C-alpha cells in the first residue's frame, strides 16, 4: 500500500518477460520488483517509439539494400555499427554461457545509450 497506493500499474507481458530475463537467478526464488518491471515497460515503449520514428523518417517507399551491399558512409554510421557489433558479440557470448541476464543488459545498454541517446 505504501509503494503503490493506487494499485500496481499495468506493465504488460513484454515488460514482465524482460524483467524476468534480466534477473541473475541463483536458485528457485525470484525477487521480482514491480518498479523494475515498470522500468522495462518504459524500455519497451522506447523501442516502439524509436522504431516508429525510424520508419517514419525512412518513408513508405523505403526498400532496404542487402547487408553485403550496405557500406556506412558517415563517421556516426560507422560508430553506431561498431557499437551494434560490440553489443551483438556480448549478447552472443552471454547466451553461450547461459547468462540471459547479461545478454539482456547488452541489448538494453546498446538500445538506450548508443542507438537512442546518441545516434537518433
N, C-alpha and C. Protein backbone atom coordinates (compact mmCIF):
# COMPACT_ATOMS: atom_id res chain seq x y z
N UNK A 1 0.81 -1.20 0.00
CA UNK A 1 0.00 0.00 0.00
C UNK A 1 0.85 1.26 0.00
N UNK A 2 2.02 1.19 0.63
CA UNK A 2 2.86 2.38 0.69
C UNK A 2 3.50 2.69 -0.66
N UNK A 3 3.98 1.65 -1.34
CA UNK A 3 4.63 1.85 -2.63
C UNK A 3 3.64 2.20 -3.73
N UNK A 4 2.49 1.55 -3.74
CA UNK A 4 1.51 1.73 -4.80
C UNK A 4 0.14 1.99 -4.19
N UNK A 5 -0.10 3.20 -3.72
CA UNK A 5 -1.38 3.48 -3.06
C UNK A 5 -2.59 3.36 -4.00
N UNK A 6 -2.38 3.48 -5.30
CA UNK A 6 -3.47 3.37 -6.28
C UNK A 6 -3.45 2.03 -7.00
N UNK A 7 -2.75 1.07 -6.46
CA UNK A 7 -2.66 -0.25 -7.06
C UNK A 7 -1.42 -0.39 -7.92
N UNK A 8 -1.14 -1.60 -8.35
CA UNK A 8 0.02 -1.87 -9.18
C UNK A 8 -0.31 -1.48 -10.62
N UNK A 9 0.53 -0.66 -11.25
CA UNK A 9 0.24 -0.23 -12.62
C UNK A 9 0.39 -1.40 -13.60
N UNK A 10 -0.37 -1.32 -14.70
CA UNK A 10 -0.24 -2.33 -15.74
C UNK A 10 1.11 -2.17 -16.42
N UNK A 11 1.79 -3.27 -16.61
CA UNK A 11 3.12 -3.21 -17.21
C UNK A 11 3.20 -3.94 -18.54
N UNK A 12 2.39 -4.96 -18.74
CA UNK A 12 2.41 -5.70 -19.99
C UNK A 12 3.31 -6.92 -19.93
N UNK A 13 3.03 -7.86 -20.81
CA UNK A 13 3.77 -9.12 -20.80
C UNK A 13 5.20 -8.96 -21.30
N UNK A 14 5.44 -8.07 -22.27
CA UNK A 14 6.81 -7.88 -22.76
C UNK A 14 7.70 -7.34 -21.66
N UNK A 15 7.20 -6.40 -20.88
CA UNK A 15 7.98 -5.84 -19.78
C UNK A 15 8.24 -6.91 -18.71
N UNK A 16 7.25 -7.73 -18.44
CA UNK A 16 7.43 -8.81 -17.47
C UNK A 16 8.47 -9.80 -17.95
N UNK A 17 8.41 -10.16 -19.23
CA UNK A 17 9.40 -11.09 -19.78
C UNK A 17 10.81 -10.50 -19.68
N UNK A 18 10.94 -9.23 -20.05
CA UNK A 18 12.26 -8.58 -19.97
C UNK A 18 12.77 -8.57 -18.53
N UNK A 19 11.91 -8.22 -17.59
CA UNK A 19 12.31 -8.17 -16.19
C UNK A 19 12.75 -9.55 -15.69
N UNK A 20 12.02 -10.58 -16.08
CA UNK A 20 12.38 -11.94 -15.66
C UNK A 20 13.70 -12.38 -16.30
N UNK A 21 13.90 -12.04 -17.56
CA UNK A 21 15.15 -12.40 -18.24
C UNK A 21 16.34 -11.61 -17.69
N UNK A 22 16.09 -10.42 -17.18
CA UNK A 22 17.17 -9.58 -16.67
C UNK A 22 17.67 -10.01 -15.30
N UNK A 23 16.93 -10.90 -14.64
CA UNK A 23 17.35 -11.36 -13.32
C UNK A 23 18.47 -12.38 -13.41
N UNK A 24 19.44 -12.25 -12.53
CA UNK A 24 20.51 -13.23 -12.40
C UNK A 24 20.08 -14.20 -11.31
N UNK A 25 19.40 -15.25 -11.71
CA UNK A 25 18.76 -16.16 -10.76
C UNK A 25 19.74 -17.24 -10.33
N UNK A 26 19.88 -17.39 -9.02
CA UNK A 26 20.71 -18.46 -8.44
C UNK A 26 19.85 -19.25 -7.46
N UNK A 27 18.98 -20.06 -7.97
CA UNK A 27 18.11 -20.84 -7.10
C UNK A 27 16.69 -20.83 -7.62
N UNK A 28 15.78 -21.20 -6.73
CA UNK A 28 14.39 -21.33 -7.12
C UNK A 28 13.58 -20.05 -6.97
N UNK A 29 14.07 -19.09 -6.20
CA UNK A 29 13.29 -17.90 -5.91
C UNK A 29 13.70 -16.73 -6.78
N UNK A 30 12.71 -15.98 -7.23
CA UNK A 30 12.94 -14.75 -7.99
C UNK A 30 12.31 -13.62 -7.20
N UNK A 31 13.11 -12.63 -6.88
CA UNK A 31 12.60 -11.45 -6.19
C UNK A 31 12.24 -10.42 -7.25
N UNK A 32 10.99 -10.43 -7.63
CA UNK A 32 10.52 -9.56 -8.70
C UNK A 32 10.08 -8.22 -8.12
N UNK A 33 10.67 -7.18 -8.62
CA UNK A 33 10.37 -5.83 -8.16
C UNK A 33 9.44 -5.17 -9.18
N UNK A 34 8.30 -4.69 -8.74
CA UNK A 34 7.34 -4.08 -9.65
C UNK A 34 7.94 -2.83 -10.30
N UNK A 35 8.75 -2.10 -9.57
CA UNK A 35 9.40 -0.91 -10.15
C UNK A 35 10.34 -1.32 -11.28
N UNK A 36 11.00 -2.46 -11.16
CA UNK A 36 11.85 -2.96 -12.22
C UNK A 36 11.05 -3.33 -13.46
N UNK A 37 9.90 -3.97 -13.25
CA UNK A 37 9.03 -4.32 -14.38
C UNK A 37 8.52 -3.05 -15.04
N UNK A 38 8.18 -2.06 -14.25
CA UNK A 38 7.73 -0.78 -14.79
C UNK A 38 8.83 -0.11 -15.61
N UNK A 39 10.07 -0.26 -15.16
CA UNK A 39 11.21 0.28 -15.91
C UNK A 39 11.33 -0.39 -17.28
N UNK A 40 11.14 -1.69 -17.33
CA UNK A 40 11.19 -2.39 -18.61
C UNK A 40 9.96 -2.06 -19.47
N UNK A 41 8.86 -1.69 -18.85
CA UNK A 41 7.71 -1.20 -19.63
C UNK A 41 8.11 0.07 -20.36
N UNK A 42 8.81 0.96 -19.66
CA UNK A 42 9.27 2.19 -20.30
C UNK A 42 10.28 1.89 -21.41
N UNK A 43 11.13 0.88 -21.19
CA UNK A 43 12.08 0.48 -22.21
C UNK A 43 11.36 -0.04 -23.46
N UNK A 44 10.37 -0.90 -23.26
CA UNK A 44 9.61 -1.43 -24.40
C UNK A 44 8.91 -0.30 -25.15
N UNK A 45 8.41 0.67 -24.41
CA UNK A 45 7.78 1.82 -25.04
C UNK A 45 8.80 2.62 -25.85
N UNK A 46 10.02 2.73 -25.34
CA UNK A 46 11.07 3.45 -26.06
C UNK A 46 11.44 2.71 -27.35
N UNK A 47 11.48 1.39 -27.30
CA UNK A 47 11.75 0.60 -28.51
C UNK A 47 10.66 0.88 -29.54
N UNK A 48 9.42 0.83 -29.12
CA UNK A 48 8.29 1.07 -30.01
C UNK A 48 8.38 2.46 -30.65
N UNK A 49 8.63 3.47 -29.83
CA UNK A 49 8.70 4.84 -30.34
C UNK A 49 9.87 5.05 -31.28
N UNK A 50 11.01 4.45 -30.98
CA UNK A 50 12.19 4.60 -31.85
C UNK A 50 11.94 3.93 -33.20
N UNK A 51 11.32 2.77 -33.19
CA UNK A 51 11.02 2.08 -34.45
C UNK A 51 10.03 2.90 -35.28
N UNK A 52 9.01 3.43 -34.64
CA UNK A 52 8.05 4.28 -35.36
C UNK A 52 8.74 5.51 -35.95
N UNK A 53 9.66 6.12 -35.18
CA UNK A 53 10.38 7.30 -35.65
C UNK A 53 11.23 6.96 -36.87
N UNK A 54 11.97 5.87 -36.80
CA UNK A 54 12.84 5.47 -37.91
C UNK A 54 12.02 5.13 -39.15
N UNK A 55 10.94 4.38 -38.98
CA UNK A 55 10.11 4.01 -40.13
C UNK A 55 9.48 5.25 -40.77
N UNK A 56 9.08 6.21 -39.95
CA UNK A 56 8.51 7.45 -40.50
C UNK A 56 9.58 8.25 -41.24
N UNK A 57 10.79 8.27 -40.71
CA UNK A 57 11.88 9.01 -41.35
C UNK A 57 12.29 8.36 -42.67
N UNK A 58 12.22 7.04 -42.75
CA UNK A 58 12.59 6.35 -43.98
C UNK A 58 11.54 6.51 -45.07
N UNK A 59 10.30 6.66 -44.68
CA UNK A 59 9.23 6.86 -45.65
C UNK A 59 8.64 5.56 -46.14
N UNK A 60 7.47 5.64 -46.78
CA UNK A 60 6.76 4.42 -47.19
C UNK A 60 7.40 3.70 -48.38
N UNK A 61 8.23 4.38 -49.13
CA UNK A 61 8.84 3.76 -50.32
C UNK A 61 10.22 3.17 -50.06
N UNK A 62 10.65 3.16 -48.80
CA UNK A 62 11.98 2.66 -48.47
C UNK A 62 12.10 1.17 -48.75
N UNK A 63 13.16 0.80 -49.44
CA UNK A 63 13.47 -0.61 -49.70
C UNK A 63 14.91 -0.83 -49.22
N UNK A 64 15.09 -1.66 -48.20
CA UNK A 64 16.45 -1.87 -47.68
C UNK A 64 17.32 -2.61 -48.68
N UNK A 65 18.59 -2.24 -48.69
CA UNK A 65 19.56 -2.97 -49.51
C UNK A 65 20.07 -4.17 -48.72
N UNK A 66 20.56 -5.18 -49.40
CA UNK A 66 21.14 -6.32 -48.69
C UNK A 66 22.33 -5.86 -47.83
N UNK A 67 22.54 -6.48 -46.68
CA UNK A 67 23.62 -6.05 -45.78
C UNK A 67 25.00 -6.03 -46.46
N UNK A 68 25.26 -6.97 -47.37
CA UNK A 68 26.58 -7.01 -48.00
C UNK A 68 26.79 -5.84 -48.96
N UNK A 69 25.71 -5.18 -49.38
CA UNK A 69 25.83 -4.01 -50.26
C UNK A 69 25.79 -2.69 -49.48
N UNK A 70 25.58 -2.76 -48.20
CA UNK A 70 25.47 -1.55 -47.38
C UNK A 70 26.84 -1.20 -46.81
N UNK A 71 27.29 0.01 -47.12
CA UNK A 71 28.56 0.50 -46.61
C UNK A 71 28.30 1.81 -45.88
N UNK A 72 28.64 1.87 -44.59
CA UNK A 72 28.42 3.12 -43.86
C UNK A 72 29.32 4.23 -44.42
N UNK A 73 28.73 5.38 -44.68
CA UNK A 73 29.46 6.49 -45.29
C UNK A 73 29.96 7.50 -44.26
N UNK A 74 29.16 7.79 -43.27
CA UNK A 74 29.47 8.84 -42.30
C UNK A 74 30.12 8.24 -41.05
N UNK A 75 30.92 9.04 -40.34
CA UNK A 75 31.54 8.54 -39.10
C UNK A 75 30.51 8.07 -38.07
N UNK A 76 29.38 8.76 -37.96
CA UNK A 76 28.36 8.36 -36.99
C UNK A 76 27.77 7.00 -37.34
N UNK A 77 27.60 6.73 -38.63
CA UNK A 77 27.10 5.42 -39.05
C UNK A 77 28.10 4.32 -38.69
N UNK A 78 29.39 4.59 -38.93
CA UNK A 78 30.41 3.61 -38.57
C UNK A 78 30.44 3.39 -37.06
N UNK A 79 30.29 4.49 -36.31
CA UNK A 79 30.32 4.39 -34.85
C UNK A 79 29.17 3.53 -34.33
N UNK A 80 27.93 3.81 -34.79
CA UNK A 80 26.79 3.07 -34.27
C UNK A 80 26.85 1.60 -34.69
N UNK A 81 27.37 1.33 -35.89
CA UNK A 81 27.52 -0.07 -36.30
C UNK A 81 28.59 -0.78 -35.49
N UNK A 82 29.63 -0.06 -35.10
CA UNK A 82 30.64 -0.68 -34.24
C UNK A 82 30.06 -0.98 -32.86
N UNK A 83 29.23 -0.09 -32.35
CA UNK A 83 28.58 -0.33 -31.06
C UNK A 83 27.59 -1.50 -31.16
N UNK A 84 26.90 -1.60 -32.29
CA UNK A 84 25.99 -2.71 -32.51
C UNK A 84 26.76 -4.03 -32.57
N UNK A 85 27.89 -4.03 -33.25
CA UNK A 85 28.71 -5.25 -33.34
C UNK A 85 29.21 -5.66 -31.95
N UNK A 86 29.62 -4.68 -31.14
CA UNK A 86 30.06 -4.99 -29.77
C UNK A 86 28.91 -5.59 -28.96
N UNK A 87 27.73 -4.97 -29.06
CA UNK A 87 26.57 -5.47 -28.31
C UNK A 87 26.17 -6.87 -28.77
N UNK A 88 26.19 -7.10 -30.09
CA UNK A 88 25.84 -8.42 -30.61
C UNK A 88 26.85 -9.47 -30.15
N UNK A 89 28.13 -9.11 -30.15
CA UNK A 89 29.15 -10.04 -29.66
C UNK A 89 28.97 -10.36 -28.19
N UNK A 90 28.73 -9.33 -27.39
CA UNK A 90 28.49 -9.53 -25.95
C UNK A 90 27.24 -10.37 -25.73
N UNK A 91 26.20 -10.08 -26.48
CA UNK A 91 24.96 -10.84 -26.36
C UNK A 91 25.20 -12.31 -26.71
N UNK A 92 25.93 -12.57 -27.77
CA UNK A 92 26.23 -13.94 -28.17
C UNK A 92 27.05 -14.68 -27.12
N UNK A 93 28.09 -14.01 -26.60
CA UNK A 93 28.92 -14.63 -25.55
C UNK A 93 28.09 -14.96 -24.32
N UNK A 94 27.25 -14.03 -23.92
CA UNK A 94 26.43 -14.24 -22.72
C UNK A 94 25.42 -15.37 -22.93
N UNK A 95 24.83 -15.45 -24.11
CA UNK A 95 23.87 -16.52 -24.37
C UNK A 95 24.56 -17.88 -24.40
N UNK A 96 25.75 -17.94 -24.98
CA UNK A 96 26.50 -19.20 -25.00
C UNK A 96 26.84 -19.65 -23.58
N UNK A 97 27.07 -18.69 -22.69
CA UNK A 97 27.37 -19.01 -21.30
C UNK A 97 26.10 -19.18 -20.46
N UNK A 98 24.93 -19.16 -21.12
CA UNK A 98 23.64 -19.27 -20.46
C UNK A 98 23.41 -18.16 -19.43
N UNK A 99 23.93 -16.99 -19.74
CA UNK A 99 23.74 -15.81 -18.89
C UNK A 99 22.77 -14.86 -19.60
N UNK A 100 21.50 -15.22 -19.56
CA UNK A 100 20.48 -14.45 -20.26
C UNK A 100 20.44 -13.02 -19.74
N UNK A 101 20.63 -12.86 -18.44
CA UNK A 101 20.59 -11.51 -17.86
C UNK A 101 21.67 -10.61 -18.46
N UNK A 102 22.83 -11.17 -18.76
CA UNK A 102 23.90 -10.38 -19.37
C UNK A 102 23.58 -10.01 -20.82
N UNK A 103 22.92 -10.92 -21.53
CA UNK A 103 22.51 -10.63 -22.91
C UNK A 103 21.46 -9.52 -22.92
N UNK A 104 20.52 -9.58 -21.99
CA UNK A 104 19.50 -8.53 -21.88
C UNK A 104 20.17 -7.19 -21.57
N UNK A 105 21.14 -7.20 -20.68
CA UNK A 105 21.84 -5.96 -20.31
C UNK A 105 22.58 -5.37 -21.51
N UNK A 106 23.18 -6.22 -22.34
CA UNK A 106 23.90 -5.73 -23.52
C UNK A 106 22.94 -5.08 -24.52
N UNK A 107 21.82 -5.72 -24.75
CA UNK A 107 20.81 -5.16 -25.67
C UNK A 107 20.25 -3.86 -25.11
N UNK A 108 19.91 -3.89 -23.84
CA UNK A 108 19.34 -2.72 -23.17
C UNK A 108 20.31 -1.53 -23.24
N UNK A 109 21.57 -1.77 -22.94
CA UNK A 109 22.56 -0.70 -22.95
C UNK A 109 22.76 -0.13 -24.36
N UNK A 110 22.87 -1.01 -25.36
CA UNK A 110 23.05 -0.53 -26.72
C UNK A 110 21.86 0.31 -27.15
N UNK A 111 20.66 -0.21 -26.93
CA UNK A 111 19.48 0.49 -27.43
C UNK A 111 19.33 1.86 -26.78
N UNK A 112 19.49 1.92 -25.46
CA UNK A 112 19.29 3.20 -24.77
C UNK A 112 20.45 4.15 -24.95
N UNK A 113 21.67 3.69 -24.66
CA UNK A 113 22.82 4.59 -24.57
C UNK A 113 23.47 4.91 -25.91
N UNK A 114 23.45 3.96 -26.84
CA UNK A 114 24.11 4.20 -28.12
C UNK A 114 23.10 4.59 -29.20
N UNK A 115 22.11 3.76 -29.41
CA UNK A 115 21.20 3.99 -30.52
C UNK A 115 20.27 5.20 -30.27
N UNK A 116 19.52 5.16 -29.17
CA UNK A 116 18.55 6.24 -28.94
C UNK A 116 19.20 7.52 -28.45
N UNK A 117 20.06 7.43 -27.45
CA UNK A 117 20.63 8.65 -26.85
C UNK A 117 21.59 9.39 -27.78
N UNK A 118 22.35 8.66 -28.57
CA UNK A 118 23.37 9.31 -29.39
C UNK A 118 23.00 9.31 -30.87
N UNK A 119 22.72 8.15 -31.43
CA UNK A 119 22.53 8.05 -32.88
C UNK A 119 21.25 8.73 -33.35
N UNK A 120 20.12 8.42 -32.70
CA UNK A 120 18.88 9.04 -33.15
C UNK A 120 18.87 10.52 -32.83
